[in-house]
C-alpha atoms as a PDB file:
ATOM      1  CA  MET A   1     183.187  49.435 103.829  1.00  0.00           C
ATOM      2  CA  SER A   2     186.073  48.818 101.490  1.00  0.00           C
ATOM      3  CA  MET A   3     189.385  50.549 101.916  1.00  0.00           C
ATOM      4  CA  ALA A   4     189.639  52.312  98.560  1.00  0.00           C
ATOM      5  CA  ASP A   5     192.845  54.078  97.696  1.00  0.00           C
ATOM      6  CA  PRO A   6     192.585  57.689  98.784  1.00  0.00           C
ATOM      7  CA  VAL A   7     192.485  60.259  96.038  1.00  0.00           C
ATOM      8  CA  PRO A   8     194.358  63.531  96.356  1.00  0.00           C
ATOM      9  CA  THR A   9     192.384  66.313  97.976  1.00  0.00           C
ATOM     10  CA  MET A  10     194.438  69.067  96.385  1.00  0.00           C
ATOM     11  CA  PRO A  11     196.320  69.396  93.132  1.00  0.00           C
ATOM     12  CA  THR A  12     200.057  68.891  93.020  1.00  0.00           C
ATOM     13  CA  ALA A  13     202.387  71.581  91.732  1.00  0.00           C
ATOM     14  CA  GLU A  14     203.222  69.388  88.754  1.00  0.00           C
ATOM     15  CA  MET A  15     199.536  68.940  87.945  1.00  0.00           C
ATOM     16  CA  ALA A  16     198.914  72.670  88.205  1.00  0.00           C
ATOM     17  CA  MET A  17     201.877  73.582  86.032  1.00  0.00           C
ATOM     18  CA  ARG A  18     200.858  71.090  83.349  1.00  0.00           C
ATOM     19  CA  ARG A  19     197.087  71.720  83.324  1.00  0.00           C
ATOM     20  CA  LEU A  20     197.359  75.481  83.600  1.00  0.00           C
ATOM     21  CA  ARG A  21     200.276  75.631  81.155  1.00  0.00           C
ATOM     22  CA  LEU A  22     202.192  78.001  83.371  1.00  0.00           C
ATOM     23  CA  ASP A  23     205.791  79.044  82.845  1.00  0.00           C
ATOM     24  CA  ASP A  24     208.402  77.244  84.942  1.00  0.00           C
ATOM     25  CA  ASP A  25     209.361  80.513  86.630  1.00  0.00           C
ATOM     26  CA  LEU A  26     205.962  80.461  88.386  1.00  0.00           C
ATOM     27  CA  LEU A  27     206.591  77.133  90.149  1.00  0.00           C
ATOM     28  CA  LEU A  28     207.291  78.674  93.572  1.00  0.00           C
ATOM     29  CA  ASP A  29     204.209  80.869  93.289  1.00  0.00           C
ATOM     30  CA  VAL A  30     202.136  77.810  92.347  1.00  0.00           C
ATOM     31  CA  GLN A  31     203.514  75.865  95.311  1.00  0.00           C
ATOM     32  CA  ASP A  32     202.445  78.715  97.603  1.00  0.00           C
ATOM     33  CA  ALA A  33     199.036  79.118  95.942  1.00  0.00           C
ATOM     34  CA  ILE A  34     197.971  75.459  96.151  1.00  0.00           C
ATOM     35  CA  PRO A  35     197.476  75.301  99.941  1.00  0.00           C
ATOM     36  CA  GLN A  36     195.709  78.665  99.788  1.00  0.00           C
ATOM     37  CA  ALA A  37     193.347  77.405  97.081  1.00  0.00           C
ATOM     38  CA  HIS A  38     192.757  74.222  99.082  1.00  0.00           C
ATOM     39  CA  ALA A  39     191.923  76.216 102.209  1.00  0.00           C
ATOM     40  CA  GLU A  40     189.640  78.525 100.231  1.00  0.00           C
ATOM     41  CA  ALA A  41     187.796  75.542  98.752  1.00  0.00           C
ATOM     42  CA  GLN A  42     187.340  73.924 102.171  1.00  0.00           C
ATOM     43  CA  ALA A  43     186.134  77.218 103.648  1.00  0.00           C
ATOM     44  CA  TYR A  44     183.556  77.602 100.896  1.00  0.00           C
ATOM     45  CA  LEU A  45     182.494  73.968 101.206  1.00  0.00           C
ATOM     46  CA  ASP A  46     182.239  74.393 104.981  1.00  0.00           C
ATOM     47  CA  GLY A  47     183.923  71.048 105.444  1.00  0.00           C
ATOM     48  CA  VAL A  48     187.188  69.174 105.252  1.00  0.00           C
ATOM     49  CA  LEU A  49     188.054  67.412 101.994  1.00  0.00           C
ATOM     50  CA  TYR A  50     188.673  63.673 102.194  1.00  0.00           C
ATOM     51  CA  GLY A  51     190.042  61.288  99.591  1.00  0.00           C
ATOM     52  CA  THR A  52     187.580  58.492 100.325  1.00  0.00           C
ATOM     53  CA  GLU A  53     184.392  57.820 102.226  1.00  0.00           C
ATOM     54  CA  ASP A  54     186.416  55.531 104.518  1.00  0.00           C
ATOM     55  CA  GLU A  55     188.708  58.431 105.476  1.00  0.00           C
ATOM     56  CA  ARG A  56     185.713  60.633 106.247  1.00  0.00           C
ATOM     57  CA  ALA A  57     184.039  57.893 108.284  1.00  0.00           C
ATOM     58  CA  SER A  58     187.266  57.188 110.189  1.00  0.00           C
ATOM     59  CA  ALA A  59     187.490  60.856 111.078  1.00  0.00           C
ATOM     60  CA  GLY A  60     183.858  60.819 112.239  1.00  0.00           C
ATOM     61  CA  ASP A  61     183.272  63.932 110.158  1.00  0.00           C
ATOM     62  CA  ASP A  62     179.651  64.189 109.041  1.00  0.00           C
ATOM     63  CA  LYS A  63     180.297  67.529 107.321  1.00  0.00           C
ATOM     64  CA  GLY A  64     183.346  66.296 105.407  1.00  0.00           C
ATOM     65  CA  VAL A  65     183.268  66.304 101.613  1.00  0.00           C
ATOM     66  CA  ILE A  66     184.673  63.567  99.403  1.00  0.00           C
ATOM     67  CA  CYS A  67     187.026  65.136  96.891  1.00  0.00           C
ATOM     68  CA  THR A  68     186.091  64.658  93.257  1.00  0.00           C
ATOM     69  CA  PRO A  69     187.873  65.632  90.033  1.00  0.00           C
ATOM     70  CA  ASP A  70     185.707  68.726  89.672  1.00  0.00           C
ATOM     71  CA  ILE A  71     186.735  69.922  93.138  1.00  0.00           C
ATOM     72  CA  ILE A  72     190.373  69.542  92.057  1.00  0.00           C
ATOM     73  CA  GLN A  73     189.500  71.558  88.931  1.00  0.00           C
ATOM     74  CA  ALA A  74     187.965  74.280  91.101  1.00  0.00           C
ATOM     75  CA  GLN A  75     191.163  74.437  93.136  1.00  0.00           C
ATOM     76  CA  LEU A  76     193.181  74.692  89.925  1.00  0.00           C
ATOM     77  CA  LEU A  77     191.013  77.622  88.852  1.00  0.00           C
ATOM     78  CA  LEU A  78     191.725  79.302  92.182  1.00  0.00           C
ATOM     79  CA  VAL A  79     195.462  78.706  91.710  1.00  0.00           C
ATOM     80  CA  ASP A  80     195.286  80.118  88.188  1.00  0.00           C
ATOM     81  CA  ALA A  81     193.396  83.172  89.425  1.00  0.00           C
ATOM     82  CA  ALA A  82     196.154  83.768  91.958  1.00  0.00           C
ATOM     83  CA  VAL A  83     199.268  83.236  89.833  1.00  0.00           C
ATOM     84  CA  GLY A  84     198.294  83.255  86.173  1.00  0.00           C
ATOM     85  CA  GLY A  85     198.798  86.276  83.976  1.00  0.00           C
ATOM     86  CA  ASN A  86     195.243  87.506  84.459  1.00  0.00           C
ATOM     87  CA  THR A  87     193.489  90.796  84.264  1.00  0.00           C
ATOM     88  CA  VAL A  88     191.359  91.534  87.315  1.00  0.00           C
ATOM     89  CA  LYS A  89     188.299  90.624  85.247  1.00  0.00           C
ATOM     90  CA  ASP A  90     189.835  87.274  84.201  1.00  0.00           C
ATOM     91  CA  ALA A  91     190.853  86.411  87.771  1.00  0.00           C
ATOM     92  CA  ASP A  92     187.343  87.237  88.998  1.00  0.00           C
ATOM     93  CA  ALA A  93     185.818  85.074  86.266  1.00  0.00           C
ATOM     94  CA  LYS A  94     188.025  82.131  87.298  1.00  0.00           C
ATOM     95  CA  ARG A  95     187.055  82.554  90.938  1.00  0.00           C
ATOM     96  CA  GLU A  96     183.367  82.683  89.982  1.00  0.00           C
ATOM     97  CA  ALA A  97     183.761  79.506  87.927  1.00  0.00           C
ATOM     98  CA  ALA A  98     185.443  77.786  90.882  1.00  0.00           C
ATOM     99  CA  VAL A  99     182.593  78.805  93.197  1.00  0.00           C
ATOM    100  CA  LYS A 100     180.024  77.431  90.734  1.00  0.00           C
ATOM    101  CA  ILE A 101     181.815  74.093  90.780  1.00  0.00           C
ATOM    102  CA  LEU A 102     182.138  74.040  94.566  1.00  0.00           C
ATOM    103  CA  ARG A 103     178.532  75.108  95.121  1.00  0.00           C
ATOM    104  CA  ARG A 104     177.350  71.677  93.946  1.00  0.00           C
ATOM    105  CA  HIS A 105     179.269  70.071  96.807  1.00  0.00           C
ATOM    106  CA  ARG A 106     178.699  72.647  99.540  1.00  0.00           C
ATOM    107  CA  ASN A 107     177.504  71.107 102.798  1.00  0.00           C
ATOM    108  CA  GLN A 108     177.081  67.820 100.971  1.00  0.00           C
ATOM    109  CA  GLY A 109     178.081  65.841 104.054  1.00  0.00           C
ATOM    110  CA  ALA A 110     175.955  67.838 106.481  1.00  0.00           C
END
């Protein structure tokens, strides 16, 4: 196995602010929402997110999931649902979209 550089398993606040085009006054809310979105994604996936296959193998975690750009996007949708200026319907739609993305990876390592 090669030791590939690990990829992030959750978005950064800077990434979220830029991609979601949120106002600077929401930065603290975004910083709080990111770990919550990460935990929600891992709970749905029923596994820990890892940056590389080597990290997962080192942890001996057969149920672990390798993080991909679409999983980061799902987490960003969850952040946006939590802090963006959404109606209830819009927030629900973003959560549903995140679940659709995550569903493709659910129990992938099991």
